[in-house]
Amino acid sequence: MGDFTDKKISIVGIGAIGGYVGGALAKKYPHVSFIARGARKEAILEKGLIVKSEYMGDYLVMPEKVTDKPEELGIMDYIFVCVKNYSLEQVCKQILPMVGPDTVIIPVMNGTNPSERTRNYLGQGIVLDSLIYVVAGSTKDFTIVQNGKYANIHIGLKNPGEKEKEIIEHVNEFINAAGVECIIEADIEAAIWRKYVLNCAYNVITAYYNTTTGVLRQDPKKIEEFRSLLYEACLVGRTKGVYLPEGLEEEHYHHFLYEHADNATSSLRRDMDAGNPNELETFSGYLLEIGKQLGLELAFTEKFYKELKIR
């Protein structure tokens, strides 16, 4: 097992995802910095980051540094970018002083193309593809709350060389050592689309009805709408040439019906409910754009998208 105690690790964006990942890494490793702003930065500086997790237990961490000035931190070994898609370009410009030729950047974000965009914006460093399955949120006092007995990061690269394979192995090792399950994907594009399919259905329907998994499961009409959104997203992915196994729709459907926590909801629902910028375009908007290019009609996706756009 490698020794990662001398590595400089930074987490950009300490919301639900960044807080969960950053909290676990800061608990394990000494040289972890958080990039945070405003009241969130002040709260972490004052009392640390509180994480309440069904998967890892409850704990409090104080990272080595908390700042809103990335240029003061110097070159990092690893950077986790955990921001919303609409902030990615601006964030990449801000963290550029932290990126050297050997810096490994892991965008842990929604959507199918944040890694590709990060490579274009930064122009240097080694950017991995990744995704995360976790149900987490951030409370008003910036406590991170994670629900459910699972939380795992998947990483990979399309056609990696020997150097990239070694980097992926190192990232996998140090994430797992911090108590967060990490999985190396041979086909990372397919893995990202498997989650994207779920997001295109779950985020959208929870935001549309402004509710939780438990409430949705009580209504047969809403359950079937969720299933229809899953089928449309899978249709786009498969038509695009992404390998999505037969039965993926039913797998997500079963998980929704029997394994999701009753009080679970989506980031899109939380953002829209709070009147914050949101990722509707990342889910429905992008899916409809690709569907149009492929000549597909996505009736349910379009209906939900149009209604949510009005809101």
C-alpha atoms as a PDB file:
ATOM      1  CA  MET A   1       0.000   0.000   0.000  1.00  0.00           C
ATOM      2  CA  GLY A   2       1.310   3.440  -0.906  1.00  0.00           C
ATOM      3  CA  ASP A   3       2.010   6.212   1.534  1.00  0.00           C
ATOM      4  CA  PHE A   4      -0.083   9.247   0.646  1.00  0.00           C
ATOM      5  CA  THR A   5       0.533  11.258   3.817  1.00  0.00           C
ATOM      6  CA  ASP A   6       2.831  13.690   1.989  1.00  0.00           C
ATOM      7  CA  LYS A   7       0.393  14.342  -0.860  1.00  0.00           C
ATOM      8  CA  LYS A   8      -1.279  17.722  -1.212  1.00  0.00           C
ATOM      9  CA  ILE A   9      -4.993  17.225  -1.800  1.00  0.00           C
ATOM     10  CA  SER A  10      -7.568  19.924  -2.479  1.00  0.00           C
ATOM     11  CA  ILE A  11     -11.358  19.774  -2.692  1.00  0.00           C
ATOM     12  CA  VAL A  12     -13.035  22.532  -4.671  1.00  0.00           C
ATOM     13  CA  GLY A  13     -16.669  23.067  -3.679  1.00  0.00           C
ATOM     14  CA  ILE A  14     -17.672  21.931  -0.182  1.00  0.00           C
ATOM     15  CA  GLY A  15     -21.349  21.305  -0.804  1.00  0.00           C
ATOM     16  CA  ALA A  16     -22.973  17.905  -0.363  1.00  0.00           C
ATOM     17  CA  ILE A  17     -20.601  15.932  -2.611  1.00  0.00           C
ATOM     18  CA  GLY A  18     -17.425  17.901  -1.934  1.00  0.00           C
ATOM     19  CA  GLY A  19     -18.176  17.921   1.770  1.00  0.00           C
ATOM     20  CA  TYR A  20     -18.665  14.162   1.892  1.00  0.00           C
ATOM     21  CA  VAL A  21     -15.551  13.360  -0.153  1.00  0.00           C
ATOM     22  CA  GLY A  22     -13.466  16.119   1.423  1.00  0.00           C
ATOM     23  CA  GLY A  23     -14.504  15.177   4.926  1.00  0.00           C
ATOM     24  CA  ALA A  24     -13.408  11.563   4.441  1.00  0.00           C
ATOM     25  CA  LEU A  25     -10.067  12.589   2.920  1.00  0.00           C
ATOM     26  CA  ALA A  26      -9.381  15.211   5.619  1.00  0.00           C
ATOM     27  CA  LYS A  27     -10.086  12.611   8.302  1.00  0.00           C
ATOM     28  CA  LYS A  28      -7.434  10.317   6.807  1.00  0.00           C
ATOM     29  CA  TYR A  29      -4.749  12.608   5.352  1.00  0.00           C
ATOM     30  CA  PRO A  30      -2.902  15.609   6.874  1.00  0.00           C
ATOM     31  CA  HIS A  31      -2.464  17.881   3.850  1.00  0.00           C
ATOM     32  CA  VAL A  32      -6.035  18.463   2.690  1.00  0.00           C
ATOM     33  CA  SER A  33      -7.294  21.914   1.758  1.00  0.00           C
ATOM     34  CA  PHE A  34     -10.860  23.058   1.104  1.00  0.00           C
ATOM     35  CA  ILE A  35     -11.736  25.757  -1.415  1.00  0.00           C
ATOM     36  CA  ALA A  36     -14.861  27.406  -0.007  1.00  0.00           C
ATOM     37  CA  ARG A  37     -16.398  30.871   0.053  1.00  0.00           C
ATOM     38  CA  GLY A  38     -18.452  33.175   2.230  1.00  0.00           C
ATOM     39  CA  ALA A  39     -20.378  31.863   5.194  1.00  0.00           C
ATOM     40  CA  ARG A  40     -19.437  28.244   4.440  1.00  0.00           C
ATOM     41  CA  LYS A  41     -15.727  29.079   4.598  1.00  0.00           C
ATOM     42  CA  GLU A  42     -16.190  30.990   7.869  1.00  0.00           C
ATOM     43  CA  ALA A  43     -18.221  28.167   9.414  1.00  0.00           C
ATOM     44  CA  ILE A  44     -15.564  25.558   8.594  1.00  0.00           C
ATOM     45  CA  LEU A  45     -12.776  27.805   9.886  1.00  0.00           C
ATOM     46  CA  GLU A  46     -14.702  28.366  13.113  1.00  0.00           C
ATOM     47  CA  LYS A  47     -15.937  24.868  13.945  1.00  0.00           C
ATOM     48  CA  GLY A  48     -14.611  22.484  11.296  1.00  0.00           C
ATOM     49  CA  LEU A  49     -16.686  20.384   8.900  1.00  0.00           C
ATOM     50  CA  ILE A  50     -19.396  18.248  10.498  1.00  0.00           C
ATOM     51  CA  VAL A  51     -20.329  15.070   8.627  1.00  0.00           C
ATOM     52  CA  LYS A  52     -23.310  12.920   9.630  1.00  0.00           C
ATOM     53  CA  SER A  53     -23.142   9.737   7.598  1.00  0.00           C
ATOM     54  CA  GLU A  54     -25.092   6.495   7.709  1.00  0.00           C
ATOM     55  CA  TYR A  55     -22.269   4.884   5.738  1.00  0.00           C
ATOM     56  CA  MET A  56     -19.179   6.178   7.600  1.00  0.00           C
ATOM     57  CA  GLY A  57     -20.599   7.379  10.908  1.00  0.00           C
ATOM     58  CA  ASP A  58     -20.603  10.907  12.325  1.00  0.00           C
ATOM     59  CA  TYR A  59     -17.410  12.904  12.701  1.00  0.00           C
ATOM     60  CA  LEU A  60     -15.845  16.346  12.719  1.00  0.00           C
ATOM     61  CA  VAL A  61     -12.775  17.304  10.680  1.00  0.00           C
ATOM     62  CA  MET A  62     -10.577  20.365  10.461  1.00  0.00           C
ATOM     63  CA  PRO A  63      -8.696  20.440   7.149  1.00  0.00           C
ATOM     64  CA  GLU A  64      -5.181  21.810   6.996  1.00  0.00           C
ATOM     65  CA  LYS A  65      -6.361  24.892   5.100  1.00  0.00           C
ATOM     66  CA  VAL A  66      -9.674  26.522   4.147  1.00  0.00           C
ATOM     67  CA  THR A  67      -9.514  29.373   1.662  1.00  0.00           C
ATOM     68  CA  ASP A  68     -11.289  31.174  -1.156  1.00  0.00           C
ATOM     69  CA  LYS A  69      -7.942  32.027  -2.771  1.00  0.00           C
ATOM     70  CA  PRO A  70      -6.696  28.912  -4.624  1.00  0.00           C
ATOM     71  CA  GLU A  71      -3.656  30.780  -5.925  1.00  0.00           C
ATOM     72  CA  GLU A  72      -2.256  30.826  -2.366  1.00  0.00           C
ATOM     73  CA  LEU A  73      -2.080  27.041  -2.060  1.00  0.00           C
ATOM     74  CA  GLY A  74       0.542  26.209  -4.671  1.00  0.00           C
ATOM     75  CA  ILE A  75       0.661  23.153  -6.921  1.00  0.00           C
ATOM     76  CA  MET A  76      -1.484  20.224  -5.776  1.00  0.00           C
ATOM     77  CA  ASP A  77      -0.976  16.484  -6.236  1.00  0.00           C
ATOM     78  CA  TYR A  78      -4.718  15.781  -6.386  1.00  0.00           C
ATOM     79  CA  ILE A  79      -7.675  18.099  -6.924  1.00  0.00           C
ATOM     80  CA  PHE A  80     -11.309  16.991  -6.559  1.00  0.00           C
ATOM     81  CA  VAL A  81     -13.654  19.360  -8.390  1.00  0.00           C
ATOM     82  CA  CYS A  82     -17.111  19.053  -6.799  1.00  0.00           C
ATOM     83  CA  VAL A  83     -19.115  21.965  -8.222  1.00  0.00           C
ATOM     84  CA  LYS A  84     -22.243  22.339 -10.316  1.00  0.00           C
ATOM     85  CA  ASN A  85     -21.848  22.264 -14.091  1.00  0.00           C
ATOM     86  CA  TYR A  86     -22.730  25.915 -14.569  1.00  0.00           C
ATOM     87  CA  SER A  87     -19.738  26.914 -12.381  1.00  0.00           C
ATOM     88  CA  LEU A  88     -17.120  24.657 -13.965  1.00  0.00           C
ATOM     89  CA  GLU A  89     -15.510  27.080 -16.425  1.00  0.00           C
ATOM     90  CA  GLN A  90     -15.117  29.824 -13.822  1.00  0.00           C
ATOM     91  CA  VAL A  91     -13.779  27.385 -11.237  1.00  0.00           C
ATOM     92  CA  CYS A  92     -11.202  25.962 -13.649  1.00  0.00           C
ATOM     93  CA  LYS A  93      -9.848  29.468 -14.251  1.00  0.00           C
ATOM     94  CA  GLN A  94      -9.564  29.997 -10.491  1.00  0.00           C
ATOM     95  CA  ILE A  95      -7.724  26.746  -9.764  1.00  0.00           C
ATOM     96  CA  LEU A  96      -5.289  26.982 -12.675  1.00  0.00           C
ATOM     97  CA  PRO A  97      -2.443  28.183 -10.341  1.00  0.00           C
ATOM     98  CA  MET A  98      -2.856  24.900  -8.418  1.00  0.00           C
ATOM     99  CA  VAL A  99      -2.392  22.712 -11.499  1.00  0.00           C
ATOM    100  CA  GLY A 100       1.001  21.445 -12.632  1.00  0.00           C
ATOM    101  CA  PRO A 101       1.808  18.926 -15.381  1.00  0.00           C
ATOM    102  CA  ASP A 102       1.527  15.999 -12.919  1.00  0.00           C
ATOM    103  CA  THR A 103      -1.500  17.233 -10.958  1.00  0.00           C
ATOM    104  CA  VAL A 104      -4.360  14.734 -11.072  1.00  0.00           C
ATOM    105  CA  ILE A 105      -7.811  16.334 -11.317  1.00  0.00           C
ATOM    106  CA  ILE A 106     -10.943  14.319 -10.520  1.00  0.00           C
ATOM    107  CA  PRO A 107     -14.209  16.124 -11.385  1.00  0.00           C
ATOM    108  CA  VAL A 108     -16.873  14.478  -9.204  1.00  0.00           C
ATOM    109  CA  MET A 109     -19.872  16.022 -10.918  1.00  0.00           C
ATOM    110  CA  ASN A 110     -23.147  15.313 -12.663  1.00  0.00           C
ATOM    111  CA  GLY A 111     -23.534  14.965 -16.413  1.00  0.00           C
ATOM    112  CA  THR A 112     -21.634  13.089 -19.099  1.00  0.00           C
ATOM    113  CA  ASN A 113     -18.895  15.542 -20.092  1.00  0.00           C
ATOM    114  CA  PRO A 114     -17.427  17.471 -17.110  1.00  0.00           C
ATOM    115  CA  SER A 115     -14.028  15.776 -17.485  1.00  0.00           C
ATOM    116  CA  GLU A 116     -13.824  16.634 -21.171  1.00  0.00           C
ATOM    117  CA  ARG A 117     -14.726  20.236 -20.410  1.00  0.00           C
ATOM    118  CA  THR A 118     -12.211  20.373 -17.548  1.00  0.00           C
ATOM    119  CA  ARG A 119      -9.432  19.200 -19.879  1.00  0.00           C
ATOM    120  CA  ASN A 120     -10.338  21.928 -22.342  1.00  0.00           C
ATOM    121  CA  TYR A 121     -10.535  24.665 -19.695  1.00  0.00           C
ATOM    122  CA  LEU A 122      -7.294  23.767 -17.884  1.00  0.00           C
ATOM    123  CA  GLY A 123      -5.093  22.634 -20.753  1.00  0.00           C
ATOM    124  CA  GLN A 124      -2.723  20.852 -18.332  1.00  0.00           C
ATOM    125  CA  GLY A 125      -2.689  18.247 -15.608  1.00  0.00           C
ATOM    126  CA  ILE A 126      -4.158  14.752 -15.839  1.00  0.00           C
ATOM    127  CA  VAL A 127      -7.964  14.735 -15.699  1.00  0.00           C
ATOM    128  CA  LEU A 128      -9.708  11.469 -14.814  1.00  0.00           C
ATOM    129  CA  ASP A 129     -13.311  10.586 -15.605  1.00  0.00           C
ATOM    130  CA  SER A 130     -15.426   9.844 -12.560  1.00  0.00           C
ATOM    131  CA  LEU A 131     -18.866   9.651 -11.011  1.00  0.00           C
ATOM    132  CA  ILE A 132     -20.265   9.140  -7.535  1.00  0.00           C
ATOM    133  CA  TYR A 133     -23.297   7.330  -6.175  1.00  0.00           C
ATOM    134  CA  VAL A 134     -24.304   8.925  -2.891  1.00  0.00           C
ATOM    135  CA  VAL A 135     -27.389  10.481  -1.330  1.00  0.00           C
ATOM    136  CA  ALA A 136     -26.161  13.559   0.513  1.00  0.00           C
ATOM    137  CA  GLY A 137     -27.173  17.097   1.334  1.00  0.00           C
ATOM    138  CA  SER A 138     -25.896  20.180   3.141  1.00  0.00           C
ATOM    139  CA  THR A 139     -27.916  21.801   5.928  1.00  0.00           C
ATOM    140  CA  LYS A 140     -28.284  25.509   6.662  1.00  0.00           C
ATOM    141  CA  ASP A 141     -25.370  25.361   9.112  1.00  0.00           C
ATOM    142  CA  PHE A 142     -23.260  23.567   6.416  1.00  0.00           C
ATOM    143  CA  THR A 143     -23.346  20.154   8.076  1.00  0.00           C
ATOM    144  CA  ILE A 144     -23.023  17.357   5.503  1.00  0.00           C
ATOM    145  CA  VAL A 145     -25.738  14.699   5.858  1.00  0.00           C
ATOM    146  CA  GLN A 146     -25.381  11.399   3.982  1.00  0.00           C
ATOM    147  CA  ASN A 147     -28.237   8.888   3.842  1.00  0.00           C
ATOM    148  CA  GLY A 148     -28.116   5.191   2.963  1.00  0.00           C
ATOM    149  CA  LYS A 149     -25.607   2.383   3.358  1.00  0.00           C
ATOM    150  CA  TYR A 150     -23.728   3.103   0.155  1.00  0.00           C
ATOM    151  CA  ALA A 151     -21.396   5.798  -1.152  1.00  0.00           C
ATOM    152  CA  ASN A 152     -18.970   4.964  -3.932  1.00  0.00           C
ATOM    153  CA  ILE A 153     -16.799   6.731  -6.481  1.00  0.00           C
ATOM    154  CA  HIS A 154     -16.103   5.222  -9.895  1.00  0.00           C
ATOM    155  CA  ILE A 155     -13.021   6.308 -11.851  1.00  0.00           C
ATOM    156  CA  GLY A 156     -11.363   5.562 -15.177  1.00  0.00           C
ATOM    157  CA  LEU A 157     -10.202   6.852 -18.535  1.00  0.00           C
ATOM    158  CA  LYS A 158     -11.020   5.997 -22.097  1.00  0.00           C
ATOM    159  CA  ASN A 159      -8.042   4.128 -23.613  1.00  0.00           C
ATOM    160  CA  PRO A 160      -5.538   4.881 -20.813  1.00  0.00           C
ATOM    161  CA  GLY A 161      -1.810   4.405 -21.352  1.00  0.00           C
ATOM    162  CA  GLU A 162       0.479   2.726 -18.844  1.00  0.00           C
ATOM    163  CA  LYS A 163       1.130   5.981 -16.968  1.00  0.00           C
ATOM    164  CA  GLU A 164      -2.599   6.720 -16.768  1.00  0.00           C
ATOM    165  CA  LYS A 165      -3.340   3.191 -15.541  1.00  0.00           C
ATOM    166  CA  GLU A 166      -0.813   3.645 -12.734  1.00  0.00           C
ATOM    167  CA  ILE A 167      -2.366   6.984 -11.778  1.00  0.00           C
ATOM    168  CA  ILE A 168      -5.841   5.432 -11.707  1.00  0.00           C
ATOM    169  CA  GLU A 169      -4.551   2.666  -9.414  1.00  0.00           C
ATOM    170  CA  HIS A 170      -3.027   5.251  -7.047  1.00  0.00           C
ATOM    171  CA  VAL A 171      -6.242   7.299  -6.910  1.00  0.00           C
ATOM    172  CA  ASN A 172      -8.262   4.151  -6.283  1.00  0.00           C
ATOM    173  CA  GLU A 173      -5.918   3.165  -3.455  1.00  0.00           C
ATOM    174  CA  PHE A 174      -5.919   6.449  -1.578  1.00  0.00           C
ATOM    175  CA  ILE A 175      -9.688   6.982  -1.866  1.00  0.00           C
ATOM    176  CA  ASN A 176     -10.408   3.467  -0.576  1.00  0.00           C
ATOM    177  CA  ALA A 177      -7.915   3.976   2.258  1.00  0.00           C
ATOM    178  CA  ALA A 178      -9.990   6.974   3.370  1.00  0.00           C
ATOM    179  CA  GLY A 179     -13.059   4.772   3.804  1.00  0.00           C
ATOM    180  CA  VAL A 180     -14.877   5.766   0.611  1.00  0.00           C
ATOM    181  CA  GLU A 181     -15.428   2.817  -1.720  1.00  0.00           C
ATOM    182  CA  CYS A 182     -13.706   3.449  -5.059  1.00  0.00           C
ATOM    183  CA  ILE A 183     -14.179   1.310  -8.165  1.00  0.00           C
ATOM    184  CA  ILE A 184     -12.070   1.327 -11.337  1.00  0.00           C
ATOM    185  CA  GLU A 185     -14.254   1.126 -14.437  1.00  0.00           C
ATOM    186  CA  ALA A 186     -12.969  -0.526 -17.624  1.00  0.00           C
ATOM    187  CA  ASP A 187     -15.686   1.323 -19.586  1.00  0.00           C
ATOM    188  CA  ILE A 188     -16.001   4.620 -17.756  1.00  0.00           C
ATOM    189  CA  GLU A 189     -18.236   6.183 -20.433  1.00  0.00           C
ATOM    190  CA  ALA A 190     -20.826   3.451 -19.928  1.00  0.00           C
ATOM    191  CA  ALA A 191     -20.561   3.838 -16.139  1.00  0.00           C
ATOM    192  CA  ILE A 192     -21.115   7.597 -16.374  1.00  0.00           C
ATOM    193  CA  TRP A 193     -24.130   7.108 -18.626  1.00  0.00           C
ATOM    194  CA  ARG A 194     -25.611   4.510 -16.266  1.00  0.00           C
ATOM    195  CA  LYS A 195     -25.703   7.144 -13.561  1.00  0.00           C
ATOM    196  CA  TYR A 196     -26.736   9.891 -15.985  1.00  0.00           C
ATOM    197  CA  VAL A 197     -29.792   7.844 -16.967  1.00  0.00           C
ATOM    198  CA  LEU A 198     -30.803   7.701 -13.313  1.00  0.00           C
ATOM    199  CA  ASN A 199     -30.236  11.444 -12.838  1.00  0.00           C
ATOM    200  CA  CYS A 200     -32.298  12.298 -15.902  1.00  0.00           C
ATOM    201  CA  ALA A 201     -35.234  10.532 -14.284  1.00  0.00           C
ATOM    202  CA  TYR A 202     -34.751  10.918 -10.532  1.00  0.00           C
ATOM    203  CA  ASN A 203     -33.546  14.524 -10.352  1.00  0.00           C
ATOM    204  CA  VAL A 204     -36.224  15.661 -12.767  1.00  0.00           C
ATOM    205  CA  ILE A 205     -39.206  13.926 -11.191  1.00  0.00           C
ATOM    206  CA  THR A 206     -38.298  14.865  -7.604  1.00  0.00           C
ATOM    207  CA  ALA A 207     -37.871  18.495  -8.704  1.00  0.00           C
ATOM    208  CA  TYR A 208     -41.088  18.442 -10.746  1.00  0.00           C
ATOM    209  CA  TYR A 209     -43.181  17.221  -7.813  1.00  0.00           C
ATOM    210  CA  ASN A 210     -40.979  18.968  -5.214  1.00  0.00           C
ATOM    211  CA  THR A 211     -40.893  15.879  -3.042  1.00  0.00           C
ATOM    212  CA  THR A 212     -39.020  12.824  -1.766  1.00  0.00           C
ATOM    213  CA  THR A 213     -38.633   9.210  -2.847  1.00  0.00           C
ATOM    214  CA  GLY A 214     -41.073   7.995  -0.206  1.00  0.00           C
ATOM    215  CA  VAL A 215     -43.903  10.275  -1.388  1.00  0.00           C
ATOM    216  CA  LEU A 216     -43.333   9.408  -5.056  1.00  0.00           C
ATOM    217  CA  ARG A 217     -43.512   5.673  -4.315  1.00  0.00           C
ATOM    218  CA  GLN A 218     -47.042   6.080  -2.957  1.00  0.00           C
ATOM    219  CA  ASP A 219     -48.431   7.201  -6.331  1.00  0.00           C
ATOM    220  CA  PRO A 220     -48.610   4.627  -9.195  1.00  0.00           C
ATOM    221  CA  LYS A 221     -48.844   7.402 -11.823  1.00  0.00           C
ATOM    222  CA  LYS A 222     -45.645   9.057 -10.638  1.00  0.00           C
ATOM    223  CA  ILE A 223     -43.866   5.702 -10.476  1.00  0.00           C
ATOM    224  CA  GLU A 224     -44.712   5.026 -14.125  1.00  0.00           C
ATOM    225  CA  GLU A 225     -43.591   8.523 -15.114  1.00  0.00           C
ATOM    226  CA  PHE A 226     -40.257   7.810 -13.442  1.00  0.00           C
ATOM    227  CA  ARG A 227     -39.981   4.589 -15.408  1.00  0.00           C
ATOM    228  CA  SER A 228     -40.782   6.390 -18.682  1.00  0.00           C
ATOM    229  CA  LEU A 229     -38.063   8.977 -18.027  1.00  0.00           C
ATOM    230  CA  LEU A 230     -35.595   6.123 -17.445  1.00  0.00           C
ATOM    231  CA  TYR A 231     -36.541   4.461 -20.743  1.00  0.00           C
ATOM    232  CA  GLU A 232     -36.124   7.694 -22.708  1.00  0.00           C
ATOM    233  CA  ALA A 233     -32.678   8.382 -21.248  1.00  0.00           C
ATOM    234  CA  CYS A 234     -31.566   4.809 -22.009  1.00  0.00           C
ATOM    235  CA  LEU A 235     -32.870   5.162 -25.567  1.00  0.00           C
ATOM    236  CA  VAL A 236     -30.674   8.227 -26.121  1.00  0.00           C
ATOM    237  CA  GLY A 237     -27.583   6.561 -24.653  1.00  0.00           C
ATOM    238  CA  ARG A 238     -27.969   3.371 -26.669  1.00  0.00           C
ATOM    239  CA  THR A 239     -28.728   5.234 -29.891  1.00  0.00           C
ATOM    240  CA  LYS A 240     -25.609   7.326 -29.281  1.00  0.00           C
ATOM    241  CA  GLY A 241     -23.564   4.119 -29.110  1.00  0.00           C
ATOM    242  CA  VAL A 242     -22.969   3.913 -25.366  1.00  0.00           C
ATOM    243  CA  TYR A 243     -23.054   0.402 -23.945  1.00  0.00           C
ATOM    244  CA  LEU A 244     -26.022   0.292 -21.578  1.00  0.00           C
ATOM    245  CA  PRO A 245     -26.997  -3.268 -20.634  1.00  0.00           C
ATOM    246  CA  GLU A 246     -30.485  -4.526 -21.300  1.00  0.00           C
ATOM    247  CA  GLY A 247     -32.510  -4.278 -18.140  1.00  0.00           C
ATOM    248  CA  LEU A 248     -30.734  -1.170 -16.827  1.00  0.00           C
ATOM    249  CA  GLU A 249     -34.046   0.677 -16.691  1.00  0.00           C
ATOM    250  CA  GLU A 250     -35.575  -2.031 -14.523  1.00  0.00           C
ATOM    251  CA  GLU A 251     -32.475  -2.132 -12.316  1.00  0.00           C
ATOM    252  CA  HIS A 252     -32.777   1.598 -11.557  1.00  0.00           C
ATOM    253  CA  TYR A 253     -36.543   1.217 -11.203  1.00  0.00           C
ATOM    254  CA  HIS A 254     -36.155  -1.595  -8.655  1.00  0.00           C
ATOM    255  CA  HIS A 255     -33.582   0.399  -6.682  1.00  0.00           C
ATOM    256  CA  PHE A 256     -35.954   3.371  -6.600  1.00  0.00           C
ATOM    257  CA  LEU A 257     -38.874   1.222  -5.427  1.00  0.00           C
ATOM    258  CA  TYR A 258     -37.147  -0.884  -2.792  1.00  0.00           C
ATOM    259  CA  GLU A 259     -33.740   0.521  -1.789  1.00  0.00           C
ATOM    260  CA  HIS A 260     -33.870   4.335  -1.801  1.00  0.00           C
ATOM    261  CA  ALA A 261     -34.350   5.961   1.598  1.00  0.00           C
ATOM    262  CA  ASP A 262     -37.851   7.389   2.018  1.00  0.00           C
ATOM    263  CA  ASN A 263     -36.509  10.859   2.840  1.00  0.00           C
ATOM    264  CA  ALA A 264     -34.080  10.948  -0.112  1.00  0.00           C
ATOM    265  CA  THR A 265     -34.439  13.696  -2.707  1.00  0.00           C
ATOM    266  CA  SER A 266     -32.317  15.248  -5.446  1.00  0.00           C
ATOM    267  CA  SER A 267     -29.911  18.163  -5.718  1.00  0.00           C
ATOM    268  CA  LEU A 268     -32.066  19.581  -8.513  1.00  0.00           C
ATOM    269  CA  ARG A 269     -35.134  19.598  -6.269  1.00  0.00           C
ATOM    270  CA  ARG A 270     -33.194  21.236  -3.415  1.00  0.00           C
ATOM    271  CA  ASP A 271     -31.742  23.916  -5.692  1.00  0.00           C
ATOM    272  CA  MET A 272     -35.054  24.750  -7.348  1.00  0.00           C
ATOM    273  CA  ASP A 273     -36.859  24.778  -4.021  1.00  0.00           C
ATOM    274  CA  ALA A 274     -34.305  27.273  -2.692  1.00  0.00           C
ATOM    275  CA  GLY A 275     -34.409  29.405  -5.836  1.00  0.00           C
ATOM    276  CA  ASN A 276     -30.730  28.681  -6.548  1.00  0.00           C
ATOM    277  CA  PRO A 277     -29.022  28.136  -9.916  1.00  0.00           C
ATOM    278  CA  ASN A 278     -29.532  24.506 -10.893  1.00  0.00           C
ATOM    279  CA  GLU A 279     -28.575  21.726 -13.303  1.00  0.00           C
ATOM    280  CA  LEU A 280     -31.823  21.265 -15.231  1.00  0.00           C
ATOM    281  CA  GLU A 281     -29.896  21.864 -18.463  1.00  0.00           C
ATOM    282  CA  THR A 282     -27.349  19.218 -17.467  1.00  0.00           C
ATOM    283  CA  PHE A 283     -30.108  16.643 -17.227  1.00  0.00           C
ATOM    284  CA  SER A 284     -33.174  17.294 -19.391  1.00  0.00           C
ATOM    285  CA  GLY A 285     -31.698  20.051 -21.560  1.00  0.00           C
ATOM    286  CA  TYR A 286     -28.618  18.103 -22.659  1.00  0.00           C
ATOM    287  CA  LEU A 287     -30.609  14.870 -23.103  1.00  0.00           C
ATOM    288  CA  LEU A 288     -33.126  16.627 -25.363  1.00  0.00           C
ATOM    289  CA  GLU A 289     -30.301  18.232 -27.352  1.00  0.00           C
ATOM    290  CA  ILE A 290     -28.622  14.863 -28.013  1.00  0.00           C
ATOM    291  CA  GLY A 291     -31.986  13.228 -28.677  1.00  0.00           C
ATOM    292  CA  LYS A 292     -32.795  15.856 -31.302  1.00  0.00           C
ATOM    293  CA  GLN A 293     -29.442  15.279 -33.017  1.00  0.00           C
ATOM    294  CA  LEU A 294     -30.260  11.562 -33.139  1.00  0.00           C
ATOM    295  CA  GLY A 295     -33.806  12.105 -34.424  1.00  0.00           C
ATOM    296  CA  LEU A 296     -35.499  10.825 -31.266  1.00  0.00           C
ATOM    297  CA  GLU A 297     -38.748  11.997 -29.702  1.00  0.00           C
ATOM    298  CA  LEU A 298     -38.638  12.168 -25.898  1.00  0.00           C
ATOM    299  CA  ALA A 299     -42.186  13.047 -24.911  1.00  0.00           C
ATOM    300  CA  PHE A 300     -41.900  12.661 -21.138  1.00  0.00           C
ATOM    301  CA  THR A 301     -38.506  14.344 -20.885  1.00  0.00           C
ATOM    302  CA  GLU A 302     -39.736  17.270 -22.965  1.00  0.00           C
ATOM    303  CA  LYS A 303     -42.926  17.662 -20.921  1.00  0.00           C
ATOM    304  CA  PHE A 304     -41.093  17.748 -17.590  1.00  0.00           C
ATOM    305  CA  TYR A 305     -38.343  20.007 -18.974  1.00  0.00           C
ATOM    306  CA  LYS A 306     -40.769  22.594 -20.335  1.00  0.00           C
ATOM    307  CA  GLU A 307     -42.729  22.745 -17.084  1.00  0.00           C
ATOM    308  CA  LEU A 308     -39.593  23.063 -14.957  1.00  0.00           C
ATOM    309  CA  LYS A 309     -38.193  25.762 -17.266  1.00  0.00           C
ATOM    310  CA  ILE A 310     -41.338  27.832 -16.675  1.00  0.00           C
ATOM    311  CA  ARG A 311     -40.745  27.610 -12.919  1.00  0.00           C
END
